Amino acid sequence: MSGGVAFVPDDFVVPRELVTDAFRLEPLRPEHNVGDYQAWISSIEHIRSTPGFAGLSWPRPMTLEDNLEDLQQHASDFAARSGFTYTVLAGTEIVGCVYIYPLEDAAEGARARSWVRVERAELDVSLHDAVSAWLREAWPFTRISYAPRR
């Protein structure tokens, strides 16, 4: 919430998935812990170099148990409608993540970030493009901040 305004309207039906020919997004849940951990722990430097992640405290080395706590928090945010995190799957493999949270500056709107594991770097631009269109077409945000890709 920012300024007492709900992040999404109470009557907004939050999308449960985004499906493309190359990947599928579904809500990130604790049961994704092992695959999620393997995806990002192998790609820390790649994620840090991804637009939108410079200067953030994550990713940083963590234990699998610490990651589970993070996933539980993301699931809690999703249930509370205060933030929405999706895992990115190519087939059954977790290859990235998309985060949709309120803008930091108290303005109405969303801040989106996404990353893909280094071995699937070719998906970064198509993920960004698909999520950008999805945010414009299926979500109620009047303003979206999402670091552009080259």
N, C-alpha and C. Protein backbone atom coordinates (compact mmCIF):
# COMPACT_ATOMS: atom_id res chain seq x y z
N MET A 1 0.84 -1.18 0.00
CA MET A 1 0.00 0.00 0.00
C MET A 1 0.88 1.24 0.00
N SER A 2 0.41 2.25 -0.64
CA SER A 2 1.11 3.53 -0.62
C SER A 2 0.09 4.63 -0.45
N GLY A 3 0.30 5.46 0.54
CA GLY A 3 -0.60 6.57 0.77
C GLY A 3 -2.02 6.15 1.07
N GLY A 4 -2.21 4.96 1.62
CA GLY A 4 -3.55 4.51 1.97
C GLY A 4 -4.34 3.96 0.79
N VAL A 5 -3.74 3.91 -0.38
CA VAL A 5 -4.42 3.39 -1.56
C VAL A 5 -3.98 1.95 -1.76
N ALA A 6 -4.94 1.06 -1.99
CA ALA A 6 -4.60 -0.35 -2.22
C ALA A 6 -3.74 -0.48 -3.47
N PHE A 7 -2.82 -1.43 -3.45
CA PHE A 7 -1.95 -1.66 -4.60
C PHE A 7 -2.78 -2.04 -5.83
N VAL A 8 -3.73 -2.94 -5.65
CA VAL A 8 -4.68 -3.28 -6.72
C VAL A 8 -6.09 -3.17 -6.13
N PRO A 9 -7.08 -2.79 -6.94
CA PRO A 9 -8.45 -2.68 -6.42
C PRO A 9 -8.96 -4.00 -5.85
N ASP A 10 -9.81 -3.92 -4.87
CA ASP A 10 -10.36 -5.12 -4.23
C ASP A 10 -11.05 -6.04 -5.22
N ASP A 11 -11.66 -5.48 -6.26
CA ASP A 11 -12.39 -6.31 -7.22
C ASP A 11 -11.53 -6.80 -8.39
N PHE A 12 -10.25 -6.44 -8.38
CA PHE A 12 -9.35 -6.87 -9.45
C PHE A 12 -9.00 -8.35 -9.27
N VAL A 13 -9.19 -9.13 -10.33
CA VAL A 13 -8.83 -10.54 -10.30
C VAL A 13 -7.37 -10.66 -10.76
N VAL A 14 -6.51 -11.02 -9.83
CA VAL A 14 -5.08 -11.10 -10.11
C VAL A 14 -4.82 -12.27 -11.07
N PRO A 15 -4.11 -12.01 -12.17
CA PRO A 15 -3.80 -13.09 -13.12
C PRO A 15 -2.99 -14.20 -12.45
N ARG A 16 -3.35 -15.44 -12.73
CA ARG A 16 -2.66 -16.60 -12.17
C ARG A 16 -1.53 -17.08 -13.05
N GLU A 17 -1.51 -16.65 -14.32
CA GLU A 17 -0.43 -17.10 -15.19
C GLU A 17 -0.32 -16.20 -16.42
N LEU A 18 0.83 -16.29 -17.03
CA LEU A 18 1.08 -15.71 -18.34
C LEU A 18 1.77 -16.82 -19.12
N VAL A 19 1.23 -17.13 -20.28
CA VAL A 19 1.78 -18.23 -21.08
C VAL A 19 2.21 -17.70 -22.44
N THR A 20 3.44 -18.03 -22.82
CA THR A 20 3.94 -17.72 -24.17
C THR A 20 4.48 -19.03 -24.75
N ASP A 21 4.94 -18.98 -25.99
CA ASP A 21 5.54 -20.18 -26.60
C ASP A 21 6.83 -20.59 -25.90
N ALA A 22 7.53 -19.63 -25.27
CA ALA A 22 8.85 -19.90 -24.70
C ALA A 22 8.85 -20.16 -23.19
N PHE A 23 7.84 -19.65 -22.48
CA PHE A 23 7.84 -19.77 -21.02
C PHE A 23 6.44 -19.56 -20.47
N ARG A 24 6.31 -19.86 -19.18
CA ARG A 24 5.05 -19.69 -18.47
C ARG A 24 5.35 -19.08 -17.11
N LEU A 25 4.53 -18.12 -16.70
CA LEU A 25 4.64 -17.54 -15.36
C LEU A 25 3.52 -18.10 -14.50
N GLU A 26 3.86 -18.44 -13.26
CA GLU A 26 2.86 -18.82 -12.27
C GLU A 26 3.33 -18.25 -10.93
N PRO A 27 2.41 -18.06 -9.99
CA PRO A 27 2.81 -17.48 -8.71
C PRO A 27 3.94 -18.29 -8.06
N LEU A 28 4.95 -17.58 -7.56
CA LEU A 28 6.07 -18.21 -6.85
C LEU A 28 5.57 -18.69 -5.49
N ARG A 29 5.82 -19.95 -5.21
CA ARG A 29 5.36 -20.55 -3.96
C ARG A 29 6.51 -21.28 -3.27
N PRO A 30 6.36 -21.55 -1.98
CA PRO A 30 7.42 -22.27 -1.26
C PRO A 30 7.83 -23.59 -1.90
N GLU A 31 6.91 -24.26 -2.57
CA GLU A 31 7.28 -25.54 -3.20
C GLU A 31 8.23 -25.35 -4.38
N HIS A 32 8.45 -24.13 -4.83
CA HIS A 32 9.43 -23.85 -5.89
C HIS A 32 10.85 -23.66 -5.32
N ASN A 33 11.03 -23.82 -4.03
CA ASN A 33 12.27 -23.44 -3.36
C ASN A 33 13.53 -24.01 -4.02
N VAL A 34 13.60 -25.30 -4.21
CA VAL A 34 14.84 -25.90 -4.72
C VAL A 34 15.15 -25.38 -6.13
N GLY A 35 14.17 -25.41 -7.02
CA GLY A 35 14.40 -24.96 -8.39
C GLY A 35 14.71 -23.47 -8.47
N ASP A 36 14.01 -22.66 -7.66
CA ASP A 36 14.26 -21.23 -7.62
C ASP A 36 15.68 -20.96 -7.13
N TYR A 37 16.06 -21.62 -6.06
CA TYR A 37 17.39 -21.44 -5.47
C TYR A 37 18.47 -21.81 -6.50
N GLN A 38 18.30 -22.95 -7.16
CA GLN A 38 19.29 -23.37 -8.16
C GLN A 38 19.38 -22.36 -9.30
N ALA A 39 18.24 -21.78 -9.68
CA ALA A 39 18.23 -20.83 -10.80
C ALA A 39 19.03 -19.58 -10.47
N TRP A 40 18.79 -18.98 -9.31
CA TRP A 40 19.47 -17.70 -9.05
C TRP A 40 20.86 -17.86 -8.46
N ILE A 41 21.09 -18.90 -7.65
CA ILE A 41 22.41 -19.03 -7.01
C ILE A 41 23.50 -19.25 -8.06
N SER A 42 23.11 -19.85 -9.18
CA SER A 42 24.08 -20.10 -10.27
C SER A 42 24.25 -18.88 -11.16
N SER A 43 23.50 -17.81 -10.88
CA SER A 43 23.46 -16.67 -11.81
C SER A 43 23.58 -15.32 -11.12
N ILE A 44 24.20 -15.28 -9.95
CA ILE A 44 24.24 -14.03 -9.16
C ILE A 44 24.80 -12.87 -9.96
N GLU A 45 25.96 -13.04 -10.56
CA GLU A 45 26.57 -11.92 -11.31
C GLU A 45 25.71 -11.53 -12.51
N HIS A 46 25.14 -12.51 -13.18
CA HIS A 46 24.26 -12.23 -14.32
C HIS A 46 23.05 -11.42 -13.88
N ILE A 47 22.43 -11.81 -12.78
CA ILE A 47 21.26 -11.08 -12.27
C ILE A 47 21.65 -9.66 -11.87
N ARG A 48 22.77 -9.52 -11.19
CA ARG A 48 23.23 -8.17 -10.79
C ARG A 48 23.44 -7.26 -11.98
N SER A 49 23.77 -7.85 -13.14
CA SER A 49 24.00 -7.04 -14.34
C SER A 49 22.71 -6.84 -15.14
N THR A 50 21.62 -7.43 -14.70
CA THR A 50 20.33 -7.29 -15.38
C THR A 50 19.73 -5.92 -15.06
N PRO A 51 19.21 -5.20 -16.06
CA PRO A 51 18.59 -3.91 -15.78
C PRO A 51 17.56 -4.01 -14.64
N GLY A 52 17.67 -3.07 -13.70
CA GLY A 52 16.75 -3.03 -12.57
C GLY A 52 17.31 -3.62 -11.29
N PHE A 53 18.46 -4.30 -11.35
CA PHE A 53 19.01 -4.96 -10.17
C PHE A 53 20.28 -4.30 -9.63
N ALA A 54 20.83 -3.32 -10.34
CA ALA A 54 22.05 -2.67 -9.88
C ALA A 54 21.82 -2.02 -8.51
N GLY A 55 22.74 -2.24 -7.62
CA GLY A 55 22.69 -1.59 -6.31
C GLY A 55 21.73 -2.20 -5.30
N LEU A 56 21.04 -3.28 -5.65
CA LEU A 56 20.12 -3.92 -4.71
C LEU A 56 20.89 -4.86 -3.78
N SER A 57 20.30 -5.16 -2.63
CA SER A 57 20.96 -6.07 -1.68
C SER A 57 20.80 -7.53 -2.09
N TRP A 58 19.95 -7.81 -3.05
CA TRP A 58 19.79 -9.17 -3.57
C TRP A 58 20.07 -9.14 -5.06
N PRO A 59 20.68 -10.14 -5.63
CA PRO A 59 21.02 -11.42 -5.02
C PRO A 59 22.33 -11.38 -4.24
N ARG A 60 22.36 -12.17 -3.19
CA ARG A 60 23.54 -12.35 -2.37
C ARG A 60 23.54 -13.81 -1.91
N PRO A 61 24.68 -14.35 -1.57
CA PRO A 61 24.70 -15.74 -1.12
C PRO A 61 23.77 -15.94 0.08
N MET A 62 22.96 -16.99 0.00
CA MET A 62 22.02 -17.35 1.06
C MET A 62 21.94 -18.87 1.12
N THR A 63 21.37 -19.37 2.20
CA THR A 63 21.13 -20.81 2.30
C THR A 63 19.78 -21.14 1.66
N LEU A 64 19.58 -22.41 1.42
CA LEU A 64 18.30 -22.88 0.90
C LEU A 64 17.17 -22.53 1.88
N GLU A 65 17.46 -22.60 3.18
CA GLU A 65 16.46 -22.26 4.20
C GLU A 65 16.12 -20.77 4.15
N ASP A 66 17.13 -19.92 3.95
CA ASP A 66 16.89 -18.47 3.82
C ASP A 66 16.02 -18.20 2.59
N ASN A 67 16.30 -18.91 1.51
CA ASN A 67 15.51 -18.74 0.30
C ASN A 67 14.05 -19.12 0.54
N LEU A 68 13.85 -20.21 1.28
CA LEU A 68 12.49 -20.63 1.60
C LEU A 68 11.75 -19.52 2.35
N GLU A 69 12.42 -18.87 3.28
CA GLU A 69 11.80 -17.75 4.01
C GLU A 69 11.41 -16.64 3.04
N ASP A 70 12.28 -16.35 2.08
CA ASP A 70 11.95 -15.33 1.07
C ASP A 70 10.72 -15.74 0.25
N LEU A 71 10.67 -16.99 -0.16
CA LEU A 71 9.53 -17.47 -0.95
C LEU A 71 8.24 -17.42 -0.14
N GLN A 72 8.33 -17.73 1.14
CA GLN A 72 7.16 -17.64 2.01
C GLN A 72 6.68 -16.20 2.11
N GLN A 73 7.62 -15.25 2.18
CA GLN A 73 7.25 -13.83 2.24
C GLN A 73 6.59 -13.40 0.93
N HIS A 74 7.15 -13.82 -0.20
CA HIS A 74 6.54 -13.48 -1.49
C HIS A 74 5.13 -14.06 -1.59
N ALA A 75 4.94 -15.30 -1.14
CA ALA A 75 3.61 -15.92 -1.17
C ALA A 75 2.65 -15.17 -0.26
N SER A 76 3.14 -14.72 0.87
CA SER A 76 2.33 -13.93 1.80
C SER A 76 1.92 -12.59 1.19
N ASP A 77 2.87 -11.93 0.52
CA ASP A 77 2.58 -10.67 -0.17
C ASP A 77 1.51 -10.90 -1.24
N PHE A 78 1.64 -12.00 -1.98
CA PHE A 78 0.68 -12.32 -3.04
C PHE A 78 -0.72 -12.49 -2.44
N ALA A 79 -0.80 -13.26 -1.36
CA ALA A 79 -2.10 -13.51 -0.70
C ALA A 79 -2.70 -12.21 -0.17
N ALA A 80 -1.84 -11.31 0.32
CA ALA A 80 -2.30 -10.03 0.86
C ALA A 80 -2.53 -8.99 -0.23
N ARG A 81 -2.17 -9.33 -1.50
CA ARG A 81 -2.33 -8.44 -2.63
C ARG A 81 -1.46 -7.18 -2.50
N SER A 82 -0.33 -7.32 -1.81
CA SER A 82 0.57 -6.19 -1.63
C SER A 82 1.80 -6.27 -2.53
N GLY A 83 1.95 -7.37 -3.24
CA GLY A 83 3.04 -7.58 -4.18
C GLY A 83 2.84 -8.92 -4.83
N PHE A 84 3.34 -9.06 -6.05
CA PHE A 84 3.08 -10.28 -6.82
C PHE A 84 4.38 -10.76 -7.45
N THR A 85 4.80 -11.96 -7.04
CA THR A 85 6.02 -12.55 -7.58
C THR A 85 5.65 -13.83 -8.31
N TYR A 86 6.18 -13.94 -9.52
CA TYR A 86 5.92 -15.10 -10.37
C TYR A 86 7.22 -15.80 -10.69
N THR A 87 7.17 -17.13 -10.70
CA THR A 87 8.29 -17.90 -11.19
C THR A 87 8.14 -18.03 -12.70
N VAL A 88 9.27 -18.10 -13.39
CA VAL A 88 9.28 -18.24 -14.84
C VAL A 88 9.74 -19.66 -15.14
N LEU A 89 8.89 -20.41 -15.83
CA LEU A 89 9.19 -21.80 -16.15
C LEU A 89 9.31 -21.98 -17.65
N ALA A 90 10.33 -22.72 -18.07
CA ALA A 90 10.47 -23.18 -19.45
C ALA A 90 10.31 -24.69 -19.36
N GLY A 91 9.16 -25.18 -19.77
CA GLY A 91 8.82 -26.57 -19.49
C GLY A 91 8.61 -26.70 -17.99
N THR A 92 9.38 -27.59 -17.36
CA THR A 92 9.28 -27.74 -15.90
C THR A 92 10.44 -27.07 -15.17
N GLU A 93 11.38 -26.50 -15.93
CA GLU A 93 12.57 -25.88 -15.33
C GLU A 93 12.30 -24.43 -14.94
N ILE A 94 12.66 -24.08 -13.72
CA ILE A 94 12.58 -22.68 -13.28
C ILE A 94 13.76 -21.93 -13.87
N VAL A 95 13.45 -20.89 -14.65
CA VAL A 95 14.50 -20.16 -15.35
C VAL A 95 14.56 -18.69 -14.96
N GLY A 96 13.66 -18.23 -14.09
CA GLY A 96 13.70 -16.83 -13.71
C GLY A 96 12.57 -16.45 -12.79
N CYS A 97 12.42 -15.15 -12.62
CA CYS A 97 11.41 -14.62 -11.71
C CYS A 97 10.96 -13.23 -12.19
N VAL A 98 9.71 -12.90 -11.87
CA VAL A 98 9.15 -11.58 -12.14
C VAL A 98 8.55 -11.07 -10.84
N TYR A 99 8.89 -9.82 -10.48
CA TYR A 99 8.39 -9.19 -9.26
C TYR A 99 7.55 -7.98 -9.65
N ILE A 100 6.37 -7.86 -9.08
CA ILE A 100 5.50 -6.71 -9.32
C ILE A 100 5.11 -6.15 -7.95
N TYR A 101 5.65 -4.98 -7.63
CA TYR A 101 5.43 -4.37 -6.32
C TYR A 101 5.10 -2.90 -6.50
N PRO A 102 4.55 -2.27 -5.46
CA PRO A 102 4.23 -0.83 -5.57
C PRO A 102 5.48 0.01 -5.83
N LEU A 103 5.29 1.13 -6.51
CA LEU A 103 6.37 2.09 -6.69
C LEU A 103 6.82 2.60 -5.33
N GLU A 104 8.09 2.87 -5.20
CA GLU A 104 8.64 3.33 -3.92
C GLU A 104 8.26 4.77 -3.58
N ASP A 105 7.95 5.57 -4.58
CA ASP A 105 7.77 7.01 -4.36
C ASP A 105 6.34 7.41 -3.98
N ALA A 106 5.56 6.44 -3.51
CA ALA A 106 4.18 6.68 -3.05
C ALA A 106 3.22 7.02 -4.19
N ALA A 107 3.70 6.98 -5.42
CA ALA A 107 2.81 7.21 -6.55
C ALA A 107 2.04 5.92 -6.83
N GLU A 108 0.85 6.07 -7.36
CA GLU A 108 0.10 4.87 -7.73
C GLU A 108 0.78 4.25 -8.95
N GLY A 109 0.90 2.96 -8.91
CA GLY A 109 1.52 2.26 -10.02
C GLY A 109 2.39 1.13 -9.51
N ALA A 110 3.08 0.49 -10.45
CA ALA A 110 3.86 -0.70 -10.11
C ALA A 110 5.30 -0.56 -10.58
N ARG A 111 6.18 -1.22 -9.83
CA ARG A 111 7.57 -1.40 -10.21
C ARG A 111 7.72 -2.88 -10.54
N ALA A 112 8.20 -3.17 -11.72
CA ALA A 112 8.43 -4.56 -12.13
C ALA A 112 9.92 -4.79 -12.32
N ARG A 113 10.34 -5.97 -11.94
CA ARG A 113 11.72 -6.41 -12.19
C ARG A 113 11.62 -7.86 -12.64
N SER A 114 12.56 -8.26 -13.48
CA SER A 114 12.61 -9.67 -13.88
C SER A 114 14.06 -10.06 -14.13
N TRP A 115 14.31 -11.34 -13.96
CA TRP A 115 15.62 -11.90 -14.27
C TRP A 115 15.44 -13.30 -14.83
N VAL A 116 16.43 -13.74 -15.56
CA VAL A 116 16.51 -15.13 -16.02
C VAL A 116 17.90 -15.65 -15.68
N ARG A 117 17.99 -16.95 -15.49
CA ARG A 117 19.29 -17.55 -15.16
C ARG A 117 20.25 -17.39 -16.33
N VAL A 118 21.53 -17.36 -16.04
CA VAL A 118 22.54 -17.07 -17.05
C VAL A 118 22.45 -18.04 -18.23
N GLU A 119 22.13 -19.30 -17.97
CA GLU A 119 22.04 -20.29 -19.06
C GLU A 119 20.86 -20.02 -19.99
N ARG A 120 19.92 -19.18 -19.58
CA ARG A 120 18.75 -18.86 -20.40
C ARG A 120 18.67 -17.36 -20.69
N ALA A 121 19.82 -16.71 -20.75
CA ALA A 121 19.90 -15.26 -20.96
C ALA A 121 19.15 -14.82 -22.21
N GLU A 122 19.04 -15.71 -23.21
CA GLU A 122 18.35 -15.33 -24.44
C GLU A 122 16.87 -15.05 -24.21
N LEU A 123 16.31 -15.46 -23.07
CA LEU A 123 14.90 -15.21 -22.78
C LEU A 123 14.64 -13.83 -22.16
N ASP A 124 15.68 -13.12 -21.77
CA ASP A 124 15.48 -11.88 -21.02
C ASP A 124 14.62 -10.86 -21.76
N VAL A 125 14.95 -10.57 -23.01
CA VAL A 125 14.21 -9.55 -23.76
C VAL A 125 12.78 -10.00 -24.03
N SER A 126 12.59 -11.26 -24.40
CA SER A 126 11.22 -11.72 -24.68
C SER A 126 10.39 -11.76 -23.39
N LEU A 127 11.00 -12.09 -22.26
CA LEU A 127 10.29 -12.03 -20.98
C LEU A 127 9.90 -10.59 -20.68
N HIS A 128 10.83 -9.67 -20.81
CA HIS A 128 10.54 -8.25 -20.57
C HIS A 128 9.41 -7.76 -21.46
N ASP A 129 9.47 -8.10 -22.75
CA ASP A 129 8.44 -7.64 -23.69
C ASP A 129 7.07 -8.22 -23.34
N ALA A 130 7.03 -9.52 -23.03
CA ALA A 130 5.75 -10.17 -22.71
C ALA A 130 5.17 -9.61 -21.41
N VAL A 131 6.02 -9.42 -20.39
CA VAL A 131 5.53 -8.90 -19.11
C VAL A 131 5.10 -7.44 -19.27
N SER A 132 5.82 -6.66 -20.05
CA SER A 132 5.43 -5.26 -20.28
C SER A 132 4.04 -5.19 -20.89
N ALA A 133 3.79 -5.99 -21.92
CA ALA A 133 2.47 -6.00 -22.56
C ALA A 133 1.40 -6.49 -21.59
N TRP A 134 1.70 -7.51 -20.82
CA TRP A 134 0.78 -8.08 -19.83
C TRP A 134 0.41 -7.04 -18.77
N LEU A 135 1.41 -6.31 -18.30
CA LEU A 135 1.14 -5.27 -17.30
C LEU A 135 0.23 -4.17 -17.86
N ARG A 136 0.44 -3.81 -19.12
CA ARG A 136 -0.40 -2.78 -19.75
C ARG A 136 -1.82 -3.28 -19.99
N GLU A 137 -1.95 -4.55 -20.42
CA GLU A 137 -3.23 -5.06 -20.89
C GLU A 137 -4.08 -5.74 -19.82
N ALA A 138 -3.46 -6.40 -18.83
CA ALA A 138 -4.21 -7.23 -17.90
C ALA A 138 -4.21 -6.72 -16.46
N TRP A 139 -3.45 -5.68 -16.20
CA TRP A 139 -3.32 -5.15 -14.83
C TRP A 139 -3.89 -3.74 -14.77
N PRO A 140 -4.25 -3.25 -13.58
CA PRO A 140 -4.92 -1.95 -13.47
C PRO A 140 -3.99 -0.75 -13.23
N PHE A 141 -2.71 -0.89 -13.51
CA PHE A 141 -1.77 0.17 -13.16
C PHE A 141 -1.79 1.32 -14.15
N THR A 142 -1.75 2.54 -13.63
CA THR A 142 -1.68 3.72 -14.48
C THR A 142 -0.23 4.09 -14.78
N ARG A 143 0.68 3.60 -13.98
CA ARG A 143 2.11 3.89 -14.18
C ARG A 143 2.89 2.62 -13.89
N ILE A 144 3.85 2.31 -14.75
CA ILE A 144 4.68 1.11 -14.58
C ILE A 144 6.13 1.51 -14.77
N SER A 145 6.94 1.12 -13.81
CA SER A 145 8.39 1.31 -13.90
C SER A 145 9.02 -0.07 -14.09
N TYR A 146 9.69 -0.26 -15.24
CA TYR A 146 10.29 -1.55 -15.56
C TYR A 146 11.50 -1.25 -16.42
N ALA A 147 12.69 -1.49 -15.89
CA ALA A 147 13.93 -1.13 -16.58
C ALA A 147 13.94 -1.68 -18.01
N PRO A 148 14.16 -0.79 -18.99
CA PRO A 148 14.15 -1.24 -20.39
C PRO A 148 15.30 -2.18 -20.69
N ARG A 149 15.13 -2.95 -21.74
CA ARG A 149 16.17 -3.83 -22.25
C ARG A 149 16.70 -3.25 -23.55
N ARG A 150 17.93 -3.61 -23.90
CA ARG A 150 18.54 -3.12 -25.14
C ARG A 150 17.96 -3.82 -26.33
